[in-house]
Amino acid sequence: MSDASPRGTYLVIAEVLREQIVEGESLPSEAALMRSHGVSRNTIRRALKTLEAEGVVEAAPGIGWRPAGSGDRRSLADRMNDVITEDSLKVGDTYPSEAKLCERFDASRTAVRRILAQMEGTGLLATVHGKGRTVRALPTPASRP
């Protein structure tokens, strides 16, 4: 954003995001918004908080922001846990890579890594040198991270 706005830069960004959401576009990450608008994270968050107060977007723990009422309401941990069942993985099968999980769930690498560590800690996954992560056990309701 090259010129300061008399309305407040965050309000201008909020309006741009509102229009993108109405047009059905996905909501970029905070980092992507910072780059595209040339502003700080605080300015982006203020714009997002404005839209949240209006009911246009909602915070999705472990994922970021998304249009209100859209998408899967399960936590990232539950969705990553369910990959084993949804992809019909068996013990010993390779679990999807971090990059594929980030893309699949539109989540940050940090969030994905945190959940993967939890899944390893509960015994669902194991890291095999040179192979990535493999399924070590099949999920049960009690094994959810």
N, C-alpha and C. Protein backbone atom coordinates (compact mmCIF):
# COMPACT_ATOMS: atom_id res chain seq x y z
N MET A 1 0.86 -1.15 0.00
CA MET A 1 0.00 0.00 0.00
C MET A 1 0.91 1.22 0.00
N SER A 2 0.94 1.95 -1.08
CA SER A 2 1.90 3.04 -1.22
C SER A 2 1.43 4.35 -0.61
N ASP A 3 0.17 4.66 -0.70
CA ASP A 3 -0.33 5.93 -0.17
C ASP A 3 -1.15 5.69 1.10
N ALA A 4 -0.97 6.57 2.06
CA ALA A 4 -1.76 6.47 3.29
C ALA A 4 -3.20 6.84 2.97
N SER A 5 -4.11 6.19 3.60
CA SER A 5 -5.51 6.43 3.35
C SER A 5 -6.11 7.25 4.49
N PRO A 6 -6.94 8.25 4.17
CA PRO A 6 -7.57 9.02 5.23
C PRO A 6 -8.54 8.16 6.05
N ARG A 7 -9.06 7.08 5.47
CA ARG A 7 -9.98 6.18 6.18
C ARG A 7 -9.24 5.26 7.13
N GLY A 8 -7.97 5.08 6.94
CA GLY A 8 -7.23 4.09 7.70
C GLY A 8 -6.90 2.93 6.79
N THR A 9 -5.65 2.62 6.70
CA THR A 9 -5.19 1.56 5.80
C THR A 9 -5.91 0.25 6.07
N TYR A 10 -6.09 -0.10 7.34
CA TYR A 10 -6.73 -1.38 7.67
C TYR A 10 -8.16 -1.45 7.15
N LEU A 11 -8.86 -0.29 7.11
CA LEU A 11 -10.22 -0.28 6.58
C LEU A 11 -10.24 -0.48 5.07
N VAL A 12 -9.25 0.07 4.40
CA VAL A 12 -9.15 -0.12 2.95
C VAL A 12 -8.88 -1.60 2.66
N ILE A 13 -7.97 -2.20 3.42
CA ILE A 13 -7.65 -3.62 3.23
C ILE A 13 -8.87 -4.48 3.56
N ALA A 14 -9.59 -4.14 4.62
CA ALA A 14 -10.79 -4.88 4.98
C ALA A 14 -11.81 -4.85 3.84
N GLU A 15 -11.95 -3.70 3.20
CA GLU A 15 -12.90 -3.58 2.09
C GLU A 15 -12.47 -4.44 0.90
N VAL A 16 -11.18 -4.44 0.60
CA VAL A 16 -10.65 -5.27 -0.49
C VAL A 16 -10.92 -6.75 -0.19
N LEU A 17 -10.64 -7.17 1.05
CA LEU A 17 -10.88 -8.56 1.44
C LEU A 17 -12.35 -8.92 1.39
N ARG A 18 -13.20 -8.00 1.82
CA ARG A 18 -14.65 -8.23 1.79
C ARG A 18 -15.10 -8.49 0.35
N GLU A 19 -14.60 -7.68 -0.58
CA GLU A 19 -14.96 -7.85 -2.00
C GLU A 19 -14.46 -9.18 -2.53
N GLN A 20 -13.26 -9.59 -2.15
CA GLN A 20 -12.70 -10.87 -2.60
C GLN A 20 -13.55 -12.04 -2.09
N ILE A 21 -13.97 -11.94 -0.83
CA ILE A 21 -14.79 -13.01 -0.24
C ILE A 21 -16.14 -13.09 -0.94
N VAL A 22 -16.76 -11.96 -1.22
CA VAL A 22 -18.05 -11.92 -1.91
C VAL A 22 -17.92 -12.55 -3.30
N GLU A 23 -16.77 -12.34 -3.95
CA GLU A 23 -16.53 -12.90 -5.28
C GLU A 23 -16.16 -14.37 -5.22
N GLY A 24 -16.06 -14.93 -4.00
CA GLY A 24 -15.77 -16.35 -3.86
C GLY A 24 -14.30 -16.72 -3.84
N GLU A 25 -13.44 -15.71 -3.76
CA GLU A 25 -12.00 -15.99 -3.72
C GLU A 25 -11.62 -16.48 -2.32
N SER A 26 -10.56 -17.30 -2.27
CA SER A 26 -10.10 -17.77 -0.97
C SER A 26 -9.33 -16.65 -0.26
N LEU A 27 -9.23 -16.78 1.04
CA LEU A 27 -8.57 -15.78 1.86
C LEU A 27 -7.09 -16.12 1.95
N PRO A 28 -6.19 -15.25 1.48
CA PRO A 28 -4.75 -15.54 1.56
C PRO A 28 -4.27 -15.55 3.01
N SER A 29 -3.09 -16.09 3.23
CA SER A 29 -2.50 -16.10 4.56
C SER A 29 -2.15 -14.67 4.98
N GLU A 30 -1.93 -14.47 6.27
CA GLU A 30 -1.53 -13.15 6.76
C GLU A 30 -0.24 -12.70 6.10
N ALA A 31 0.71 -13.63 5.95
CA ALA A 31 2.00 -13.29 5.33
C ALA A 31 1.80 -12.83 3.89
N ALA A 32 0.94 -13.52 3.15
CA ALA A 32 0.68 -13.13 1.76
C ALA A 32 -0.01 -11.77 1.70
N LEU A 33 -0.92 -11.53 2.63
CA LEU A 33 -1.60 -10.22 2.67
C LEU A 33 -0.61 -9.12 3.00
N MET A 34 0.32 -9.38 3.92
CA MET A 34 1.34 -8.38 4.26
C MET A 34 2.16 -8.01 3.02
N ARG A 35 2.57 -9.03 2.27
CA ARG A 35 3.37 -8.79 1.06
C ARG A 35 2.57 -8.04 0.00
N SER A 36 1.35 -8.48 -0.24
CA SER A 36 0.59 -7.88 -1.34
C SER A 36 0.15 -6.44 -1.04
N HIS A 37 -0.04 -6.11 0.24
CA HIS A 37 -0.45 -4.76 0.60
C HIS A 37 0.69 -3.90 1.12
N GLY A 38 1.84 -4.51 1.36
CA GLY A 38 3.01 -3.76 1.82
C GLY A 38 2.81 -3.14 3.19
N VAL A 39 2.16 -3.89 4.09
CA VAL A 39 1.89 -3.37 5.43
C VAL A 39 2.33 -4.39 6.48
N SER A 40 2.25 -4.00 7.74
CA SER A 40 2.66 -4.86 8.85
C SER A 40 1.56 -5.88 9.18
N ARG A 41 1.95 -6.89 9.94
CA ARG A 41 1.00 -7.91 10.40
C ARG A 41 -0.10 -7.27 11.26
N ASN A 42 0.25 -6.27 12.05
CA ASN A 42 -0.75 -5.60 12.89
C ASN A 42 -1.85 -4.97 12.05
N THR A 43 -1.48 -4.37 10.93
CA THR A 43 -2.47 -3.75 10.05
C THR A 43 -3.39 -4.82 9.44
N ILE A 44 -2.80 -5.94 9.02
CA ILE A 44 -3.59 -7.03 8.45
C ILE A 44 -4.53 -7.60 9.52
N ARG A 45 -4.01 -7.81 10.71
CA ARG A 45 -4.86 -8.37 11.77
C ARG A 45 -5.99 -7.41 12.15
N ARG A 46 -5.70 -6.14 12.12
CA ARG A 46 -6.75 -5.15 12.43
C ARG A 46 -7.85 -5.22 11.37
N ALA A 47 -7.46 -5.36 10.11
CA ALA A 47 -8.44 -5.50 9.03
C ALA A 47 -9.26 -6.78 9.22
N LEU A 48 -8.59 -7.88 9.55
CA LEU A 48 -9.28 -9.15 9.75
C LEU A 48 -10.20 -9.10 10.97
N LYS A 49 -9.75 -8.45 12.04
CA LYS A 49 -10.59 -8.31 13.24
C LYS A 49 -11.84 -7.47 12.93
N THR A 50 -11.69 -6.47 12.07
CA THR A 50 -12.83 -5.66 11.65
C THR A 50 -13.84 -6.54 10.92
N LEU A 51 -13.35 -7.37 10.01
CA LEU A 51 -14.24 -8.27 9.27
C LEU A 51 -14.84 -9.34 10.18
N GLU A 52 -14.08 -9.77 11.18
CA GLU A 52 -14.59 -10.75 12.13
C GLU A 52 -15.75 -10.15 12.93
N ALA A 53 -15.60 -8.91 13.35
CA ALA A 53 -16.66 -8.24 14.11
C ALA A 53 -17.93 -8.08 13.27
N GLU A 54 -17.76 -7.99 11.96
CA GLU A 54 -18.91 -7.87 11.05
C GLU A 54 -19.49 -9.23 10.67
N GLY A 55 -18.83 -10.31 11.10
CA GLY A 55 -19.30 -11.65 10.77
C GLY A 55 -18.93 -12.11 9.38
N VAL A 56 -17.95 -11.46 8.76
CA VAL A 56 -17.54 -11.81 7.40
C VAL A 56 -16.51 -12.93 7.40
N VAL A 57 -15.58 -12.91 8.37
CA VAL A 57 -14.55 -13.94 8.49
C VAL A 57 -14.56 -14.49 9.91
N GLU A 58 -13.90 -15.62 10.07
CA GLU A 58 -13.74 -16.20 11.40
C GLU A 58 -12.35 -16.78 11.53
N ALA A 59 -11.85 -16.77 12.75
CA ALA A 59 -10.55 -17.37 13.02
C ALA A 59 -10.73 -18.87 13.08
N ALA A 60 -9.80 -19.59 12.47
CA ALA A 60 -9.82 -21.05 12.49
C ALA A 60 -8.53 -21.52 13.16
N PRO A 61 -8.61 -21.96 14.41
CA PRO A 61 -7.41 -22.36 15.14
C PRO A 61 -6.54 -23.34 14.35
N GLY A 62 -5.27 -23.01 14.26
CA GLY A 62 -4.33 -23.85 13.54
C GLY A 62 -4.34 -23.68 12.04
N ILE A 63 -5.25 -22.88 11.54
CA ILE A 63 -5.37 -22.68 10.10
C ILE A 63 -5.17 -21.23 9.73
N GLY A 64 -5.79 -20.34 10.45
CA GLY A 64 -5.72 -18.91 10.14
C GLY A 64 -7.12 -18.34 10.07
N TRP A 65 -7.40 -17.64 9.00
CA TRP A 65 -8.69 -16.99 8.82
C TRP A 65 -9.39 -17.59 7.61
N ARG A 66 -10.72 -17.62 7.68
CA ARG A 66 -11.51 -18.11 6.56
C ARG A 66 -12.84 -17.37 6.55
N PRO A 67 -13.52 -17.38 5.42
CA PRO A 67 -14.84 -16.76 5.37
C PRO A 67 -15.75 -17.42 6.41
N ALA A 68 -16.57 -16.64 7.08
CA ALA A 68 -17.45 -17.16 8.13
C ALA A 68 -18.40 -18.21 7.57
N GLY A 69 -18.55 -19.29 8.34
CA GLY A 69 -19.49 -20.34 7.96
C GLY A 69 -19.01 -21.25 6.85
N SER A 70 -17.77 -21.12 6.46
CA SER A 70 -17.27 -21.95 5.36
C SER A 70 -16.37 -23.05 5.89
N GLY A 71 -16.22 -24.05 5.10
CA GLY A 71 -15.23 -25.07 5.40
C GLY A 71 -15.60 -26.01 6.53
N ASP A 72 -14.67 -26.87 6.77
CA ASP A 72 -14.79 -27.91 7.78
C ASP A 72 -14.57 -27.28 9.16
N ARG A 73 -15.46 -27.49 10.07
CA ARG A 73 -15.36 -26.89 11.40
C ARG A 73 -14.53 -27.73 12.37
N ARG A 74 -14.10 -28.92 11.94
CA ARG A 74 -13.26 -29.73 12.83
C ARG A 74 -11.90 -29.07 12.98
N SER A 75 -11.25 -29.35 14.08
CA SER A 75 -9.92 -28.79 14.31
C SER A 75 -8.93 -29.40 13.32
N LEU A 76 -7.82 -28.72 13.13
CA LEU A 76 -6.78 -29.24 12.25
C LEU A 76 -6.30 -30.60 12.76
N ALA A 77 -6.17 -30.75 14.07
CA ALA A 77 -5.73 -32.02 14.64
C ALA A 77 -6.69 -33.15 14.27
N ASP A 78 -7.98 -32.90 14.37
CA ASP A 78 -8.96 -33.93 14.01
C ASP A 78 -8.89 -34.27 12.53
N ARG A 79 -8.77 -33.25 11.70
CA ARG A 79 -8.72 -33.49 10.24
C ARG A 79 -7.46 -34.24 9.85
N MET A 80 -6.33 -33.90 10.47
CA MET A 80 -5.08 -34.62 10.15
C MET A 80 -5.14 -36.05 10.67
N ASN A 81 -5.75 -36.25 11.81
CA ASN A 81 -5.93 -37.59 12.36
C ASN A 81 -6.81 -38.42 11.42
N ASP A 82 -7.84 -37.80 10.87
CA ASP A 82 -8.78 -38.49 9.99
C ASP A 82 -8.18 -38.83 8.62
N VAL A 83 -7.04 -38.26 8.28
CA VAL A 83 -6.39 -38.58 7.00
C VAL A 83 -6.12 -40.08 6.92
N ILE A 84 -5.77 -40.68 8.03
CA ILE A 84 -5.46 -42.11 8.04
C ILE A 84 -6.68 -42.91 7.57
N THR A 85 -7.85 -42.56 8.09
CA THR A 85 -9.08 -43.26 7.71
C THR A 85 -9.53 -42.86 6.31
N GLU A 86 -9.54 -41.54 6.04
CA GLU A 86 -10.04 -41.04 4.75
C GLU A 86 -9.21 -41.55 3.58
N ASP A 87 -7.90 -41.68 3.76
CA ASP A 87 -7.03 -42.14 2.68
C ASP A 87 -6.82 -43.66 2.72
N SER A 88 -7.56 -44.34 3.60
CA SER A 88 -7.47 -45.80 3.76
C SER A 88 -6.03 -46.26 4.00
N LEU A 89 -5.32 -45.54 4.85
CA LEU A 89 -3.94 -45.91 5.17
C LEU A 89 -3.95 -47.05 6.19
N LYS A 90 -2.94 -47.90 6.05
CA LYS A 90 -2.78 -49.02 6.97
C LYS A 90 -1.47 -48.86 7.71
N VAL A 91 -1.29 -49.62 8.77
CA VAL A 91 -0.03 -49.58 9.52
C VAL A 91 1.12 -49.86 8.55
N GLY A 92 2.13 -48.99 8.59
CA GLY A 92 3.29 -49.12 7.71
C GLY A 92 3.21 -48.26 6.46
N ASP A 93 2.01 -47.77 6.11
CA ASP A 93 1.87 -46.91 4.93
C ASP A 93 2.48 -45.54 5.21
N THR A 94 2.90 -44.88 4.15
CA THR A 94 3.48 -43.54 4.26
C THR A 94 2.37 -42.52 4.46
N TYR A 95 2.55 -41.67 5.48
CA TYR A 95 1.61 -40.58 5.75
C TYR A 95 1.98 -39.43 4.83
N PRO A 96 1.03 -38.60 4.38
CA PRO A 96 1.35 -37.48 3.47
C PRO A 96 2.43 -36.54 4.05
N SER A 97 3.18 -35.93 3.16
CA SER A 97 4.26 -35.02 3.55
C SER A 97 3.70 -33.73 4.15
N GLU A 98 4.58 -33.01 4.84
CA GLU A 98 4.18 -31.72 5.42
C GLU A 98 3.66 -30.80 4.33
N ALA A 99 4.35 -30.74 3.21
CA ALA A 99 3.95 -29.85 2.12
C ALA A 99 2.55 -30.20 1.61
N LYS A 100 2.27 -31.50 1.45
CA LYS A 100 0.96 -31.91 0.96
C LYS A 100 -0.13 -31.62 1.99
N LEU A 101 0.19 -31.78 3.27
CA LEU A 101 -0.78 -31.48 4.32
C LEU A 101 -1.07 -29.98 4.38
N CYS A 102 -0.03 -29.15 4.25
CA CYS A 102 -0.23 -27.70 4.23
C CYS A 102 -1.17 -27.30 3.10
N GLU A 103 -0.95 -27.90 1.94
CA GLU A 103 -1.79 -27.59 0.78
C GLU A 103 -3.21 -28.13 0.97
N ARG A 104 -3.32 -29.35 1.43
CA ARG A 104 -4.61 -30.00 1.60
C ARG A 104 -5.51 -29.25 2.59
N PHE A 105 -4.92 -28.77 3.69
CA PHE A 105 -5.70 -28.12 4.73
C PHE A 105 -5.54 -26.61 4.73
N ASP A 106 -4.77 -26.07 3.80
CA ASP A 106 -4.52 -24.64 3.73
C ASP A 106 -4.07 -24.13 5.09
N ALA A 107 -3.08 -24.82 5.65
CA ALA A 107 -2.57 -24.51 6.98
C ALA A 107 -1.08 -24.20 6.91
N SER A 108 -0.59 -23.51 7.91
CA SER A 108 0.84 -23.17 7.96
C SER A 108 1.66 -24.42 8.27
N ARG A 109 2.91 -24.40 7.85
CA ARG A 109 3.82 -25.52 8.13
C ARG A 109 4.00 -25.68 9.64
N THR A 110 4.05 -24.56 10.35
CA THR A 110 4.20 -24.62 11.81
C THR A 110 3.04 -25.37 12.45
N ALA A 111 1.81 -25.05 12.04
CA ALA A 111 0.64 -25.72 12.59
C ALA A 111 0.65 -27.21 12.25
N VAL A 112 1.00 -27.53 11.01
CA VAL A 112 1.05 -28.93 10.59
C VAL A 112 2.11 -29.69 11.38
N ARG A 113 3.28 -29.10 11.54
CA ARG A 113 4.35 -29.77 12.30
C ARG A 113 3.95 -30.00 13.75
N ARG A 114 3.25 -29.06 14.34
CA ARG A 114 2.82 -29.20 15.73
C ARG A 114 1.89 -30.40 15.87
N ILE A 115 0.95 -30.53 14.95
CA ILE A 115 0.00 -31.65 15.01
C ILE A 115 0.71 -32.96 14.70
N LEU A 116 1.65 -32.96 13.75
CA LEU A 116 2.41 -34.18 13.45
C LEU A 116 3.18 -34.64 14.69
N ALA A 117 3.77 -33.69 15.42
CA ALA A 117 4.49 -34.05 16.65
C ALA A 117 3.54 -34.66 17.67
N GLN A 118 2.33 -34.12 17.77
CA GLN A 118 1.34 -34.69 18.68
C GLN A 118 0.97 -36.11 18.25
N MET A 119 0.80 -36.30 16.94
CA MET A 119 0.43 -37.62 16.43
C MET A 119 1.56 -38.63 16.68
N GLU A 120 2.80 -38.18 16.55
CA GLU A 120 3.93 -39.06 16.86
C GLU A 120 3.95 -39.37 18.36
N GLY A 121 3.68 -38.35 19.17
CA GLY A 121 3.68 -38.52 20.62
C GLY A 121 2.62 -39.49 21.11
N THR A 122 1.49 -39.56 20.41
CA THR A 122 0.43 -40.48 20.81
C THR A 122 0.59 -41.85 20.16
N GLY A 123 1.63 -42.01 19.34
CA GLY A 123 1.91 -43.31 18.74
C GLY A 123 1.22 -43.60 17.43
N LEU A 124 0.55 -42.61 16.85
CA LEU A 124 -0.12 -42.84 15.56
C LEU A 124 0.88 -42.88 14.40
N LEU A 125 1.91 -42.05 14.48
CA LEU A 125 2.89 -41.95 13.40
C LEU A 125 4.29 -42.22 13.92
N ALA A 126 5.15 -42.61 13.01
CA ALA A 126 6.57 -42.78 13.32
C ALA A 126 7.36 -42.18 12.17
N THR A 127 8.48 -41.56 12.50
CA THR A 127 9.35 -41.02 11.46
C THR A 127 10.39 -42.07 11.11
N VAL A 128 10.48 -42.37 9.82
CA VAL A 128 11.44 -43.35 9.34
C VAL A 128 12.43 -42.61 8.46
N HIS A 129 13.72 -42.66 8.86
CA HIS A 129 14.76 -41.94 8.12
C HIS A 129 14.72 -42.31 6.64
N GLY A 130 14.64 -41.30 5.80
CA GLY A 130 14.63 -41.51 4.35
C GLY A 130 13.26 -41.83 3.77
N LYS A 131 12.27 -42.08 4.62
CA LYS A 131 10.94 -42.43 4.14
C LYS A 131 9.87 -41.43 4.56
N GLY A 132 10.19 -40.57 5.50
CA GLY A 132 9.18 -39.65 6.02
C GLY A 132 8.43 -40.28 7.17
N ARG A 133 7.19 -39.92 7.31
CA ARG A 133 6.38 -40.45 8.40
C ARG A 133 5.53 -41.62 7.91
N THR A 134 5.41 -42.61 8.75
CA THR A 134 4.57 -43.76 8.43
C THR A 134 3.54 -43.95 9.52
N VAL A 135 2.46 -44.62 9.15
CA VAL A 135 1.40 -44.92 10.10
C VAL A 135 1.90 -46.03 11.02
N ARG A 136 1.83 -45.77 12.30
CA ARG A 136 2.31 -46.74 13.30
C ARG A 136 1.13 -47.48 13.94
N ALA A 137 -0.01 -46.79 14.04
CA ALA A 137 -1.22 -47.39 14.63
C ALA A 137 -2.43 -46.74 14.00
N LEU A 138 -3.54 -47.43 14.03
CA LEU A 138 -4.78 -46.87 13.50
C LEU A 138 -5.46 -46.07 14.58
N PRO A 139 -6.08 -44.95 14.21
CA PRO A 139 -6.67 -44.06 15.21
C PRO A 139 -7.89 -44.68 15.89
N THR A 140 -8.04 -44.32 17.13
CA THR A 140 -9.24 -44.64 17.90
C THR A 140 -9.72 -43.32 18.47
N PRO A 141 -10.95 -43.22 18.89
CA PRO A 141 -11.42 -41.94 19.46
C PRO A 141 -10.54 -41.44 20.59
N ALA A 142 -9.95 -42.33 21.37
CA ALA A 142 -9.11 -41.93 22.50
C ALA A 142 -7.74 -41.43 22.06
N SER A 143 -7.32 -41.71 20.81
CA SER A 143 -5.98 -41.32 20.37
C SER A 143 -5.93 -39.97 19.71
N ARG A 144 -7.04 -39.28 19.65
CA ARG A 144 -7.04 -37.95 19.03
C ARG A 144 -6.14 -37.02 19.80
N PRO A 145 -5.28 -36.25 19.03
CA PRO A 145 -4.37 -35.30 19.70
C PRO A 145 -5.12 -34.20 20.39
